[in-house]
């Protein structure tokens, strides 16, 4: 591993360990006294109008997931486009493969009707 990546690796390990420590501490040391008010649905200070946990359309979930996937794709493509003249042929083909997999996923969603809102 290159020496310039040691600090990044240390930061990653440190953040995971610290997050796990605080999550575990709050789980084991936290006061657990649920009552009716704590487990009820919160609706901006009003009493709940209906049954909490009412089912919603899966289309909203699907559109949200597709947005996240393609938003992350753009965040991976931006550095690639900025450094296009400086990358090796191996890096170029890795990104072409990445785009190919995402394109196949988009075609699959299109064929299955995941992009149609009815």
PDB file of N, CA and C in Angstrom:
ATOM      1  N   UNK A   1       0.852  -1.171   0.000  1.00  0.00           N
ATOM      2  CA  UNK A   1       0.000   0.000   0.000  1.00  0.00           C
ATOM      3  C   UNK A   1       0.898   1.234   0.000  1.00  0.00           C
ATOM      4  N   UNK A   2       0.525   2.242  -0.737  1.00  0.00           N
ATOM      5  CA  UNK A   2       1.322   3.459  -0.845  1.00  0.00           C
ATOM      6  C   UNK A   2       1.206   4.285   0.428  1.00  0.00           C
ATOM      7  N   UNK A   3       2.253   5.010   0.740  1.00  0.00           N
ATOM      8  CA  UNK A   3       2.290   5.770   1.989  1.00  0.00           C
ATOM      9  C   UNK A   3       1.257   6.895   2.022  1.00  0.00           C
ATOM     10  N   UNK A   4       0.848   7.422   0.882  1.00  0.00           N
ATOM     11  CA  UNK A   4      -0.134   8.508   0.897  1.00  0.00           C
ATOM     12  C   UNK A   4      -1.537   8.013   1.252  1.00  0.00           C
ATOM     13  N   UNK A   5      -1.755   6.706   1.201  1.00  0.00           N
ATOM     14  CA  UNK A   5      -3.066   6.166   1.548  1.00  0.00           C
ATOM     15  C   UNK A   5      -3.167   5.746   3.004  1.00  0.00           C
ATOM     16  N   UNK A   6      -2.069   5.779   3.750  1.00  0.00           N
ATOM     17  CA  UNK A   6      -2.108   5.383   5.159  1.00  0.00           C
ATOM     18  C   UNK A   6      -3.036   6.280   5.972  1.00  0.00           C
ATOM     19  N   UNK A   7      -2.972   7.570   5.744  1.00  0.00           N
ATOM     20  CA  UNK A   7      -3.827   8.477   6.516  1.00  0.00           C
ATOM     21  C   UNK A   7      -5.296   8.272   6.164  1.00  0.00           C
ATOM     22  N   UNK A   8      -5.599   8.022   4.910  1.00  0.00           N
ATOM     23  CA  UNK A   8      -6.979   7.762   4.510  1.00  0.00           C
ATOM     24  C   UNK A   8      -7.483   6.457   5.115  1.00  0.00           C
ATOM     25  N   UNK A   9      -6.647   5.432   5.098  1.00  0.00           N
ATOM     26  CA  UNK A   9      -7.015   4.149   5.697  1.00  0.00           C
ATOM     27  C   UNK A   9      -7.215   4.304   7.203  1.00  0.00           C
ATOM     28  N   UNK A  10      -6.331   5.044   7.866  1.00  0.00           N
ATOM     29  CA  UNK A  10      -6.458   5.272   9.300  1.00  0.00           C
ATOM     30  C   UNK A  10      -7.749   6.019   9.605  1.00  0.00           C
ATOM     31  N   UNK A  11      -8.082   7.035   8.814  1.00  0.00           N
ATOM     32  CA  UNK A  11      -9.309   7.793   9.013  1.00  0.00           C
ATOM     33  C   UNK A  11     -10.534   6.900   8.852  1.00  0.00           C
ATOM     34  N   UNK A  12     -10.527   6.035   7.864  1.00  0.00           N
ATOM     35  CA  UNK A  12     -11.643   5.123   7.645  1.00  0.00           C
ATOM     36  C   UNK A  12     -11.809   4.165   8.818  1.00  0.00           C
ATOM     37  N   UNK A  13     -10.725   3.550   9.255  1.00  0.00           N
ATOM     38  CA  UNK A  13     -10.788   2.609  10.376  1.00  0.00           C
ATOM     39  C   UNK A  13     -11.204   3.335  11.650  1.00  0.00           C
ATOM     40  N   UNK A  14     -10.641   4.504  11.892  1.00  0.00           N
ATOM     41  CA  UNK A  14     -10.970   5.263  13.092  1.00  0.00           C
ATOM     42  C   UNK A  14     -12.449   5.643  13.115  1.00  0.00           C
ATOM     43  N   UNK A  15     -12.994   6.089  11.993  1.00  0.00           N
ATOM     44  CA  UNK A  15     -14.400   6.493  11.958  1.00  0.00           C
ATOM     45  C   UNK A  15     -15.329   5.301  12.145  1.00  0.00           C
ATOM     46  N   UNK A  16     -14.978   4.146  11.601  1.00  0.00           N
ATOM     47  CA  UNK A  16     -15.808   2.954  11.790  1.00  0.00           C
ATOM     48  C   UNK A  16     -15.775   2.511  13.248  1.00  0.00           C
ATOM     49  N   UNK A  17     -14.592   2.478  13.843  1.00  0.00           N
ATOM     50  CA  UNK A  17     -14.470   2.060  15.244  1.00  0.00           C
ATOM     51  C   UNK A  17     -15.185   3.040  16.163  1.00  0.00           C
ATOM     52  N   UNK A  18     -15.024   4.329  15.935  1.00  0.00           N
ATOM     53  CA  UNK A  18     -15.677   5.326  16.773  1.00  0.00           C
ATOM     54  C   UNK A  18     -17.197   5.261  16.632  1.00  0.00           C
ATOM     55  N   UNK A  19     -17.691   5.091  15.426  1.00  0.00           N
ATOM     56  CA  UNK A  19     -19.140   4.968  15.213  1.00  0.00           C
ATOM     57  C   UNK A  19     -19.689   3.727  15.890  1.00  0.00           C
ATOM     58  N   UNK A  20     -18.977   2.611  15.775  1.00  0.00           N
ATOM     59  CA  UNK A  20     -19.421   1.378  16.425  1.00  0.00           C
ATOM     60  C   UNK A  20     -19.400   1.529  17.939  1.00  0.00           C
ATOM     61  N   UNK A  21     -18.390   2.196  18.464  1.00  0.00           N
ATOM     62  CA  UNK A  21     -18.307   2.399  19.915  1.00  0.00           C
ATOM     63  C   UNK A  21     -19.486   3.215  20.419  1.00  0.00           C
ATOM     64  N   UNK A  22     -19.767   4.354  19.786  1.00  0.00           N
ATOM     65  CA  UNK A  22     -20.857   5.204  20.246  1.00  0.00           C
ATOM     66  C   UNK A  22     -22.222   4.550  20.038  1.00  0.00           C
ATOM     67  N   UNK A  23     -22.395   3.816  18.963  1.00  0.00           N
ATOM     68  CA  UNK A  23     -23.662   3.110  18.750  1.00  0.00           C
ATOM     69  C   UNK A  23     -23.867   2.039  19.810  1.00  0.00           C
ATOM     70  N   UNK A  24     -22.815   1.281  20.094  1.00  0.00           N
ATOM     71  CA  UNK A  24     -22.913   0.254  21.128  1.00  0.00           C
ATOM     72  C   UNK A  24     -23.125   0.844  22.502  1.00  0.00           C
ATOM     73  N   UNK A  25     -22.440   1.946  22.810  1.00  0.00           N
ATOM     74  CA  UNK A  25     -22.605   2.583  24.117  1.00  0.00           C
ATOM     75  C   UNK A  25     -24.024   3.103  24.295  1.00  0.00           C
ATOM     76  N   UNK A  26     -24.593   3.718  23.284  1.00  0.00           N
ATOM     77  CA  UNK A  26     -25.959   4.221  23.417  1.00  0.00           C
ATOM     78  C   UNK A  26     -26.962   3.079  23.513  1.00  0.00           C
ATOM     79  N   UNK A  27     -26.676   1.970  22.860  1.00  0.00           N
ATOM     80  CA  UNK A  27     -27.589   0.828  22.927  1.00  0.00           C
ATOM     81  C   UNK A  27     -27.571   0.196  24.316  1.00  0.00           C
ATOM     82  N   UNK A  28     -26.381  -0.006  24.869  1.00  0.00           N
ATOM     83  CA  UNK A  28     -26.275  -0.696  26.154  1.00  0.00           C
ATOM     84  C   UNK A  28     -26.501   0.226  27.351  1.00  0.00           C
ATOM     85  N   UNK A  29     -26.157   1.487  27.256  1.00  0.00           N
ATOM     86  CA  UNK A  29     -26.261   2.392  28.392  1.00  0.00           C
ATOM     87  C   UNK A  29     -27.512   3.258  28.361  1.00  0.00           C
ATOM     88  N   UNK A  30     -28.207   3.289  27.252  1.00  0.00           N
ATOM     89  CA  UNK A  30     -29.385   4.140  27.130  1.00  0.00           C
ATOM     90  C   UNK A  30     -30.555   3.638  27.956  1.00  0.00           C
ATOM     91  N   UNK A  31     -31.367   4.591  28.418  1.00  0.00           N
ATOM     92  CA  UNK A  31     -32.552   4.260  29.202  1.00  0.00           C
ATOM     93  C   UNK A  31     -33.637   3.798  28.240  1.00  0.00           C
ATOM     94  N   UNK A  32     -34.206   2.636  28.551  1.00  0.00           N
ATOM     95  CA  UNK A  32     -35.233   2.065  27.672  1.00  0.00           C
ATOM     96  C   UNK A  32     -36.545   1.983  28.446  1.00  0.00           C
ATOM     97  N   UNK A  33     -37.360   3.025  28.322  1.00  0.00           N
ATOM     98  CA  UNK A  33     -38.664   3.042  28.967  1.00  0.00           C
ATOM     99  C   UNK A  33     -39.714   3.477  27.946  1.00  0.00           C
ATOM    100  N   UNK A  34     -40.074   2.587  27.032  1.00  0.00           N
ATOM    101  CA  UNK A  34     -41.067   2.991  26.030  1.00  0.00           C
ATOM    102  C   UNK A  34     -42.453   3.137  26.658  1.00  0.00           C
ATOM    103  N   UNK A  35     -43.177   4.131  26.227  1.00  0.00           N
ATOM    104  CA  UNK A  35     -44.569   4.284  26.618  1.00  0.00           C
ATOM    105  C   UNK A  35     -45.380   4.622  25.367  1.00  0.00           C
ATOM    106  N   UNK A  36     -46.645   4.900  25.562  1.00  0.00           N
ATOM    107  CA  UNK A  36     -47.535   5.125  24.423  1.00  0.00           C
ATOM    108  C   UNK A  36     -47.094   6.321  23.577  1.00  0.00           C
ATOM    109  N   UNK A  37     -46.637   7.379  24.221  1.00  0.00           N
ATOM    110  CA  UNK A  37     -46.232   8.581  23.492  1.00  0.00           C
ATOM    111  C   UNK A  37     -44.951   8.365  22.694  1.00  0.00           C
ATOM    112  N   UNK A  38     -44.015   7.608  23.254  1.00  0.00           N
ATOM    113  CA  UNK A  38     -42.736   7.416  22.577  1.00  0.00           C
ATOM    114  C   UNK A  38     -42.846   6.521  21.352  1.00  0.00           C
ATOM    115  N   UNK A  39     -43.740   5.555  21.375  1.00  0.00           N
ATOM    116  CA  UNK A  39     -43.844   4.630  20.251  1.00  0.00           C
ATOM    117  C   UNK A  39     -44.906   5.048  19.241  1.00  0.00           C
ATOM    118  N   UNK A  40     -45.602   6.162  19.492  1.00  0.00           N
ATOM    119  CA  UNK A  40     -46.618   6.610  18.541  1.00  0.00           C
ATOM    120  C   UNK A  40     -45.964   7.401  17.416  1.00  0.00           C
ATOM    121  N   UNK A  41     -46.659   7.497  16.300  1.00  0.00           N
ATOM    122  CA  UNK A  41     -46.148   8.240  15.143  1.00  0.00           C
ATOM    123  C   UNK A  41     -46.225   9.734  15.429  1.00  0.00           C
ATOM    124  N   UNK A  42     -45.220  10.468  14.995  1.00  0.00           N
ATOM    125  CA  UNK A  42     -45.185  11.917  15.206  1.00  0.00           C
ATOM    126  C   UNK A  42     -45.670  12.614  13.947  1.00  0.00           C
ATOM    127  N   UNK A  43     -46.663  13.483  14.108  1.00  0.00           N
ATOM    128  CA  UNK A  43     -47.198  14.216  12.966  1.00  0.00           C
ATOM    129  C   UNK A  43     -47.199  15.707  13.267  1.00  0.00           C
ATOM    130  N   UNK A  44     -46.026  16.288  13.391  1.00  0.00           N
ATOM    131  CA  UNK A  44     -45.850  17.735  13.549  1.00  0.00           C
ATOM    132  C   UNK A  44     -46.618  18.295  14.744  1.00  0.00           C
ATOM    133  N   UNK A  45     -46.674  17.581  15.833  1.00  0.00           N
ATOM    134  CA  UNK A  45     -47.315  18.073  17.036  1.00  0.00           C
ATOM    135  C   UNK A  45     -48.802  17.793  17.112  1.00  0.00           C
ATOM    136  N   UNK A  46     -49.395  17.258  16.062  1.00  0.00           N
ATOM    137  CA  UNK A  46     -50.819  16.946  16.075  1.00  0.00           C
ATOM    138  C   UNK A  46     -51.020  15.484  16.450  1.00  0.00           C
ATOM    139  N   UNK A  47     -52.214  15.187  16.869  1.00  0.00           N
ATOM    140  CA  UNK A  47     -52.561  13.783  17.081  1.00  0.00           C
ATOM    141  C   UNK A  47     -52.592  13.094  15.717  1.00  0.00           C
ATOM    142  N   UNK A  48     -52.177  11.837  15.639  1.00  0.00           N
ATOM    143  CA  UNK A  48     -52.193  11.140  14.339  1.00  0.00           C
ATOM    144  C   UNK A  48     -53.598  11.098  13.751  1.00  0.00           C
ATOM    145  N   UNK A  49     -53.692  11.395  12.456  1.00  0.00           N
ATOM    146  CA  UNK A  49     -54.984  11.415  11.776  1.00  0.00           C
ATOM    147  C   UNK A  49     -55.444  10.033  11.346  1.00  0.00           C
ATOM    148  N   UNK A  50     -54.528   9.151  11.117  1.00  0.00           N
ATOM    149  CA  UNK A  50     -54.877   7.812  10.653  1.00  0.00           C
ATOM    150  C   UNK A  50     -53.938   6.791  11.250  1.00  0.00           C
ATOM    151  N   UNK A  51     -53.954   5.623  10.677  1.00  0.00           N
ATOM    152  CA  UNK A  51     -53.097   4.544  11.149  1.00  0.00           C
ATOM    153  C   UNK A  51     -51.662   4.824  10.703  1.00  0.00           C
ATOM    154  N   UNK A  52     -50.716   4.869  11.642  1.00  0.00           N
ATOM    155  CA  UNK A  52     -49.328   5.059  11.214  1.00  0.00           C
ATOM    156  C   UNK A  52     -48.811   3.815  10.509  1.00  0.00           C
ATOM    157  N   UNK A  53     -47.897   4.002   9.620  1.00  0.00           N
ATOM    158  CA  UNK A  53     -47.359   2.869   8.884  1.00  0.00           C
ATOM    159  C   UNK A  53     -48.248   2.437   7.741  1.00  0.00           C
ATOM    160  N   UNK A  54     -49.083   3.356   7.282  1.00  0.00           N
ATOM    161  CA  UNK A  54     -49.976   3.086   6.167  1.00  0.00           C
ATOM    162  C   UNK A  54     -49.147   2.714   4.937  1.00  0.00           C
ATOM    163  N   UNK A  55     -49.563   1.719   4.168  1.00  0.00           N
ATOM    164  CA  UNK A  55     -48.768   1.327   2.994  1.00  0.00           C
ATOM    165  C   UNK A  55     -48.729   2.448   1.954  1.00  0.00           C
ATOM    166  N   UNK A  56     -47.613   2.539   1.262  1.00  0.00           N
ATOM    167  CA  UNK A  56     -47.462   3.533   0.212  1.00  0.00           C
ATOM    168  C   UNK A  56     -47.035   2.823  -1.063  1.00  0.00           C
ATOM    169  N   UNK A  57     -47.120   3.530  -2.151  1.00  0.00           N
ATOM    170  CA  UNK A  57     -46.800   2.956  -3.447  1.00  0.00           C
ATOM    171  C   UNK A  57     -45.317   2.613  -3.531  1.00  0.00           C
ATOM    172  N   UNK A  58     -45.023   1.459  -4.071  1.00  0.00           N
ATOM    173  CA  UNK A  58     -43.643   1.027  -4.238  1.00  0.00           C
ATOM    174  C   UNK A  58     -42.953   1.869  -5.307  1.00  0.00           C
ATOM    175  N   UNK A  59     -43.710   2.521  -6.153  1.00  0.00           N
ATOM    176  CA  UNK A  59     -43.133   3.361  -7.207  1.00  0.00           C
ATOM    177  C   UNK A  59     -42.270   4.477  -6.607  1.00  0.00           C
ATOM    178  N   UNK A  60     -42.722   5.059  -5.485  1.00  0.00           N
ATOM    179  CA  UNK A  60     -41.925   6.110  -4.848  1.00  0.00           C
ATOM    180  C   UNK A  60     -40.573   5.557  -4.416  1.00  0.00           C
ATOM    181  N   UNK A  61     -40.587   4.373  -3.841  1.00  0.00           N
ATOM    182  CA  UNK A  61     -39.347   3.734  -3.403  1.00  0.00           C
ATOM    183  C   UNK A  61     -38.452   3.449  -4.604  1.00  0.00           C
ATOM    184  N   UNK A  62     -39.024   2.926  -5.675  1.00  0.00           N
ATOM    185  CA  UNK A  62     -38.251   2.593  -6.871  1.00  0.00           C
ATOM    186  C   UNK A  62     -37.631   3.839  -7.504  1.00  0.00           C
ATOM    187  N   UNK A  63     -38.398   4.906  -7.591  1.00  0.00           N
ATOM    188  CA  UNK A  63     -37.867   6.144  -8.159  1.00  0.00           C
ATOM    189  C   UNK A  63     -36.751   6.693  -7.274  1.00  0.00           C
ATOM    190  N   UNK A  64     -36.904   6.600  -5.974  1.00  0.00           N
ATOM    191  CA  UNK A  64     -35.860   7.057  -5.060  1.00  0.00           C
ATOM    192  C   UNK A  64     -34.579   6.260  -5.205  1.00  0.00           C
ATOM    193  N   UNK A  65     -34.694   4.947  -5.312  1.00  0.00           N
ATOM    194  CA  UNK A  65     -33.514   4.095  -5.477  1.00  0.00           C
ATOM    195  C   UNK A  65     -32.837   4.378  -6.817  1.00  0.00           C
ATOM    196  N   UNK A  66     -33.629   4.510  -7.884  1.00  0.00           N
ATOM    197  CA  UNK A  66     -33.043   4.821  -9.192  1.00  0.00           C
ATOM    198  C   UNK A  66     -32.345   6.177  -9.181  1.00  0.00           C
ATOM    199  N   UNK A  67     -32.946   7.152  -8.489  1.00  0.00           N
ATOM    200  CA  UNK A  67     -32.292   8.454  -8.385  1.00  0.00           C
ATOM    201  C   UNK A  67     -30.947   8.330  -7.676  1.00  0.00           C
ATOM    202  N   UNK A  68     -30.901   7.594  -6.571  1.00  0.00           N
ATOM    203  CA  UNK A  68     -29.640   7.432  -5.843  1.00  0.00           C
ATOM    204  C   UNK A  68     -28.585   6.745  -6.694  1.00  0.00           C
ATOM    205  N   UNK A  69     -28.988   5.708  -7.417  1.00  0.00           N
ATOM    206  CA  UNK A  69     -28.027   4.973  -8.245  1.00  0.00           C
ATOM    207  C   UNK A  69     -27.428   5.885  -9.310  1.00  0.00           C
ATOM    208  N   UNK A  70     -28.267   6.610 -10.028  1.00  0.00           N
ATOM    209  CA  UNK A  70     -27.750   7.436 -11.112  1.00  0.00           C
ATOM    210  C   UNK A  70     -27.104   8.720 -10.603  1.00  0.00           C
ATOM    211  N   UNK A  71     -27.470   9.164  -9.420  1.00  0.00           N
ATOM    212  CA  UNK A  71     -26.776  10.291  -8.811  1.00  0.00           C
ATOM    213  C   UNK A  71     -25.362   9.880  -8.410  1.00  0.00           C
ATOM    214  N   UNK A  72     -25.209   8.692  -7.867  1.00  0.00           N
ATOM    215  CA  UNK A  72     -23.874   8.188  -7.545  1.00  0.00           C
ATOM    216  C   UNK A  72     -23.059   7.948  -8.808  1.00  0.00           C
ATOM    217  N   UNK A  73     -23.722   7.540  -9.871  1.00  0.00           N
ATOM    218  CA  UNK A  73     -23.012   7.356 -11.139  1.00  0.00           C
ATOM    219  C   UNK A  73     -22.392   8.674 -11.592  1.00  0.00           C
ATOM    220  N   UNK A  74     -23.127   9.746 -11.481  1.00  0.00           N
ATOM    221  CA  UNK A  74     -22.604  11.053 -11.872  1.00  0.00           C
ATOM    222  C   UNK A  74     -21.434  11.451 -10.978  1.00  0.00           C
ATOM    223  N   UNK A  75     -21.524  11.134  -9.689  1.00  0.00           N
ATOM    224  CA  UNK A  75     -20.414  11.494  -8.802  1.00  0.00           C
ATOM    225  C   UNK A  75     -19.163  10.681  -9.111  1.00  0.00           C
ATOM    226  N   UNK A  76     -19.300   9.488  -9.674  1.00  0.00           N
ATOM    227  CA  UNK A  76     -18.133   8.720 -10.108  1.00  0.00           C
ATOM    228  C   UNK A  76     -17.633   9.181 -11.481  1.00  0.00           C
ATOM    229  N   UNK A  77     -18.534   9.652 -12.317  1.00  0.00           N
ATOM    230  CA  UNK A  77     -18.141  10.077 -13.658  1.00  0.00           C
ATOM    231  C   UNK A  77     -17.441  11.432 -13.673  1.00  0.00           C
ATOM    232  N   UNK A  78     -17.784  12.306 -12.750  1.00  0.00           N
ATOM    233  CA  UNK A  78     -17.203  13.650 -12.776  1.00  0.00           C
ATOM    234  C   UNK A  78     -15.677  13.636 -12.659  1.00  0.00           C
ATOM    235  N   UNK A  79     -15.083  12.944 -11.675  1.00  0.00           N
ATOM    236  CA  UNK A  79     -13.610  12.926 -11.634  1.00  0.00           C
ATOM    237  C   UNK A  79     -13.004  12.248 -12.861  1.00  0.00           C
ATOM    238  N   UNK A  80     -13.688  11.256 -13.384  1.00  0.00           N
ATOM    239  CA  UNK A  80     -13.195  10.565 -14.578  1.00  0.00           C
ATOM    240  C   UNK A  80     -13.141  11.531 -15.761  1.00  0.00           C
ATOM    241  N   UNK A  81     -14.175  12.359 -15.903  1.00  0.00           N
ATOM    242  CA  UNK A  81     -14.200  13.322 -17.008  1.00  0.00           C
ATOM    243  C   UNK A  81     -13.149  14.414 -16.823  1.00  0.00           C
ATOM    244  N   UNK A  82     -12.944  14.844 -15.592  1.00  0.00           N
ATOM    245  CA  UNK A  82     -11.970  15.903 -15.341  1.00  0.00           C
ATOM    246  C   UNK A  82     -10.555  15.418 -15.637  1.00  0.00           C
ATOM    247  N   UNK A  83     -10.254  14.177 -15.279  1.00  0.00           N
ATOM    248  CA  UNK A  83      -8.908  13.627 -15.462  1.00  0.00           C
ATOM    249  C   UNK A  83      -8.818  12.689 -16.656  1.00  0.00           C
ATOM    250  N   UNK A  84      -9.672  12.877 -17.640  1.00  0.00           N
ATOM    251  CA  UNK A  84      -9.740  11.942 -18.765  1.00  0.00           C
ATOM    252  C   UNK A  84      -8.411  11.810 -19.500  1.00  0.00           C
ATOM    253  N   UNK A  85      -7.684  12.903 -19.687  1.00  0.00           N
ATOM    254  CA  UNK A  85      -6.416  12.864 -20.423  1.00  0.00           C
ATOM    255  C   UNK A  85      -5.275  12.267 -19.609  1.00  0.00           C
ATOM    256  N   UNK A  86      -5.460  12.100 -18.305  1.00  0.00           N
ATOM    257  CA  UNK A  86      -4.380  11.642 -17.445  1.00  0.00           C
ATOM    258  C   UNK A  86      -4.520  10.188 -17.001  1.00  0.00           C
ATOM    259  N   UNK A  87      -5.624   9.536 -17.322  1.00  0.00           N
ATOM    260  CA  UNK A  87      -5.808   8.163 -16.844  1.00  0.00           C
ATOM    261  C   UNK A  87      -5.211   7.170 -17.832  1.00  0.00           C
ATOM    262  N   UNK A  88      -4.940   5.998 -17.327  1.00  0.00           N
ATOM    263  CA  UNK A  88      -4.358   4.940 -18.158  1.00  0.00           C
ATOM    264  C   UNK A  88      -5.457   4.250 -18.963  1.00  0.00           C
ATOM    265  N   UNK A  89      -5.085   3.469 -19.961  1.00  0.00           N
ATOM    266  CA  UNK A  89      -6.099   2.697 -20.695  1.00  0.00           C
ATOM    267  C   UNK A  89      -6.863   1.734 -19.785  1.00  0.00           C
ATOM    268  N   UNK A  90      -6.192   1.207 -18.767  1.00  0.00           N
ATOM    269  CA  UNK A  90      -6.876   0.323 -17.818  1.00  0.00           C
ATOM    270  C   UNK A  90      -7.997   1.072 -17.096  1.00  0.00           C
ATOM    271  N   UNK A  91      -7.713   2.293 -16.641  1.00  0.00           N
ATOM    272  CA  UNK A  91      -8.733   3.104 -15.985  1.00  0.00           C
ATOM    273  C   UNK A  91      -9.878   3.450 -16.917  1.00  0.00           C
ATOM    274  N   UNK A  92      -9.540   3.693 -18.172  1.00  0.00           N
ATOM    275  CA  UNK A  92     -10.579   3.978 -19.160  1.00  0.00           C
ATOM    276  C   UNK A  92     -11.524   2.790 -19.310  1.00  0.00           C
ATOM    277  N   UNK A  93     -10.966   1.584 -19.443  1.00  0.00           N
ATOM    278  CA  UNK A  93     -11.811   0.406 -19.649  1.00  0.00           C
ATOM    279  C   UNK A  93     -12.572   0.018 -18.387  1.00  0.00           C
ATOM    280  N   UNK A  94     -12.026   0.320 -17.235  1.00  0.00           N
ATOM    281  CA  UNK A  94     -12.777   0.094 -15.995  1.00  0.00           C
ATOM    282  C   UNK A  94     -14.030   0.965 -15.979  1.00  0.00           C
ATOM    283  N   UNK A  95     -13.891   2.229 -16.354  1.00  0.00           N
ATOM    284  CA  UNK A  95     -15.052   3.119 -16.367  1.00  0.00           C
ATOM    285  C   UNK A  95     -16.030   2.753 -17.477  1.00  0.00           C
ATOM    286  N   UNK A  96     -15.531   2.279 -18.601  1.00  0.00           N
ATOM    287  CA  UNK A  96     -16.433   1.819 -19.662  1.00  0.00           C
ATOM    288  C   UNK A  96     -17.231   0.615 -19.165  1.00  0.00           C
ATOM    289  N   UNK A  97     -16.584  -0.288 -18.453  1.00  0.00           N
ATOM    290  CA  UNK A  97     -17.299  -1.425 -17.867  1.00  0.00           C
ATOM    291  C   UNK A  97     -18.325  -0.978 -16.839  1.00  0.00           C
ATOM    292  N   UNK A  98     -17.973   0.012 -16.023  1.00  0.00           N
ATOM    293  CA  UNK A  98     -18.897   0.570 -15.036  1.00  0.00           C
ATOM    294  C   UNK A  98     -20.123   1.160 -15.721  1.00  0.00           C
ATOM    295  N   UNK A  99     -19.884   1.932 -16.773  1.00  0.00           N
ATOM    296  CA  UNK A  99     -21.005   2.500 -17.526  1.00  0.00           C
ATOM    297  C   UNK A  99     -21.832   1.416 -18.204  1.00  0.00           C
ATOM    298  N   UNK A 100     -21.166   0.361 -18.670  1.00  0.00           N
ATOM    299  CA  UNK A 100     -21.889  -0.744 -19.296  1.00  0.00           C
ATOM    300  C   UNK A 100     -22.815  -1.450 -18.323  1.00  0.00           C
ATOM    301  N   UNK A 101     -22.335  -1.699 -17.114  1.00  0.00           N
ATOM    302  CA  UNK A 101     -23.175  -2.353 -16.102  1.00  0.00           C
ATOM    303  C   UNK A 101     -24.364  -1.472 -15.745  1.00  0.00           C
ATOM    304  N   UNK A 102     -24.136  -0.183 -15.577  1.00  0.00           N
ATOM    305  CA  UNK A 102     -25.248   0.716 -15.268  1.00  0.00           C
ATOM    306  C   UNK A 102     -26.227   0.826 -16.432  1.00  0.00           C
ATOM    307  N   UNK A 103     -25.724   0.812 -17.652  1.00  0.00           N
ATOM    308  CA  UNK A 103     -26.610   0.856 -18.817  1.00  0.00           C
ATOM    309  C   UNK A 103     -27.447  -0.410 -18.908  1.00  0.00           C
ATOM    310  N   UNK A 104     -26.837  -1.557 -18.643  1.00  0.00           N
ATOM    311  CA  UNK A 104     -27.604  -2.808 -18.635  1.00  0.00           C
ATOM    312  C   UNK A 104     -28.682  -2.783 -17.552  1.00  0.00           C
ATOM    313  N   UNK A 105     -28.357  -2.234 -16.391  1.00  0.00           N
ATOM    314  CA  UNK A 105     -29.355  -2.105 -15.333  1.00  0.00           C
ATOM    315  C   UNK A 105     -30.504  -1.206 -15.732  1.00  0.00           C
ATOM    316  N   UNK A 106     -30.193  -0.105 -16.413  1.00  0.00           N
ATOM    317  CA  UNK A 106     -31.236   0.804 -16.876  1.00  0.00           C
ATOM    318  C   UNK A 106     -32.117   0.134 -17.926  1.00  0.00           C
ATOM    319  N   UNK A 107     -31.511  -0.596 -18.842  1.00  0.00           N
ATOM    320  CA  UNK A 107     -32.285  -1.317 -19.863  1.00  0.00           C
ATOM    321  C   UNK A 107     -33.184  -2.360 -19.213  1.00  0.00           C
ATOM    322  N   UNK A 108     -32.664  -3.068 -18.207  1.00  0.00           N
ATOM    323  CA  UNK A 108     -33.468  -4.068 -17.493  1.00  0.00           C
ATOM    324  C   UNK A 108     -34.672  -3.410 -16.819  1.00  0.00           C
ATOM    325  N   UNK A 109     -34.449  -2.266 -16.155  1.00  0.00           N
ATOM    326  CA  UNK A 109     -35.556  -1.558 -15.513  1.00  0.00           C
ATOM    327  C   UNK A 109     -36.577  -1.092 -16.542  1.00  0.00           C
ATOM    328  N   UNK A 110     -36.112  -0.657 -17.691  1.00  0.00           N
ATOM    329  CA  UNK A 110     -37.002  -0.188 -18.740  1.00  0.00           C
ATOM    330  C   UNK A 110     -37.851  -1.338 -19.270  1.00  0.00           C
ATOM    331  N   UNK A 111     -37.220  -2.492 -19.509  1.00  0.00           N
ATOM    332  CA  UNK A 111     -37.950  -3.657 -20.027  1.00  0.00           C
ATOM    333  C   UNK A 111     -38.977  -4.151 -19.013  1.00  0.00           C
ATOM    334  N   UNK A 112     -38.609  -4.166 -17.735  1.00  0.00           N
ATOM    335  CA  UNK A 112     -39.517  -4.647 -16.690  1.00  0.00           C
ATOM    336  C   UNK A 112     -40.618  -3.648 -16.349  1.00  0.00           C
ATOM    337  N   UNK A 113     -40.556  -2.443 -16.916  1.00  0.00           N
ATOM    338  CA  UNK A 113     -41.603  -1.451 -16.673  1.00  0.00           C
ATOM    339  C   UNK A 113     -41.388  -0.630 -15.420  1.00  0.00           C
ATOM    340  N   UNK A 114     -40.188  -0.641 -14.886  1.00  0.00           N
ATOM    341  CA  UNK A 114     -39.920   0.111 -13.673  1.00  0.00           C
ATOM    342  C   UNK A 114     -39.889   1.610 -13.871  1.00  0.00           C
ATOM    343  N   UNK A 115     -39.779   2.066 -15.102  1.00  0.00           N
ATOM    344  CA  UNK A 115     -39.717   3.497 -15.375  1.00  0.00           C
ATOM    345  C   UNK A 115     -41.066   4.072 -15.789  1.00  0.00           C
ATOM    346  N   UNK A 116     -42.079   3.241 -15.877  1.00  0.00           N
ATOM    347  CA  UNK A 116     -43.410   3.707 -16.276  1.00  0.00           C
ATOM    348  C   UNK A 116     -44.234   3.992 -15.032  1.00  0.00           C
ATOM    349  N   UNK A 117     -44.860   5.146 -15.004  1.00  0.00           N
ATOM    350  CA  UNK A 117     -45.675   5.543 -13.866  1.00  0.00           C
ATOM    351  C   UNK A 117     -47.142   5.461 -14.280  1.00  0.00           C
ATOM    352  N   UNK A 118     -47.840   4.514 -13.714  1.00  0.00           N
ATOM    353  CA  UNK A 118     -49.259   4.333 -14.085  1.00  0.00           C
ATOM    354  C   UNK A 118     -50.149   4.404 -12.888  1.00  0.00           C
TER     355      UNK A 118
END
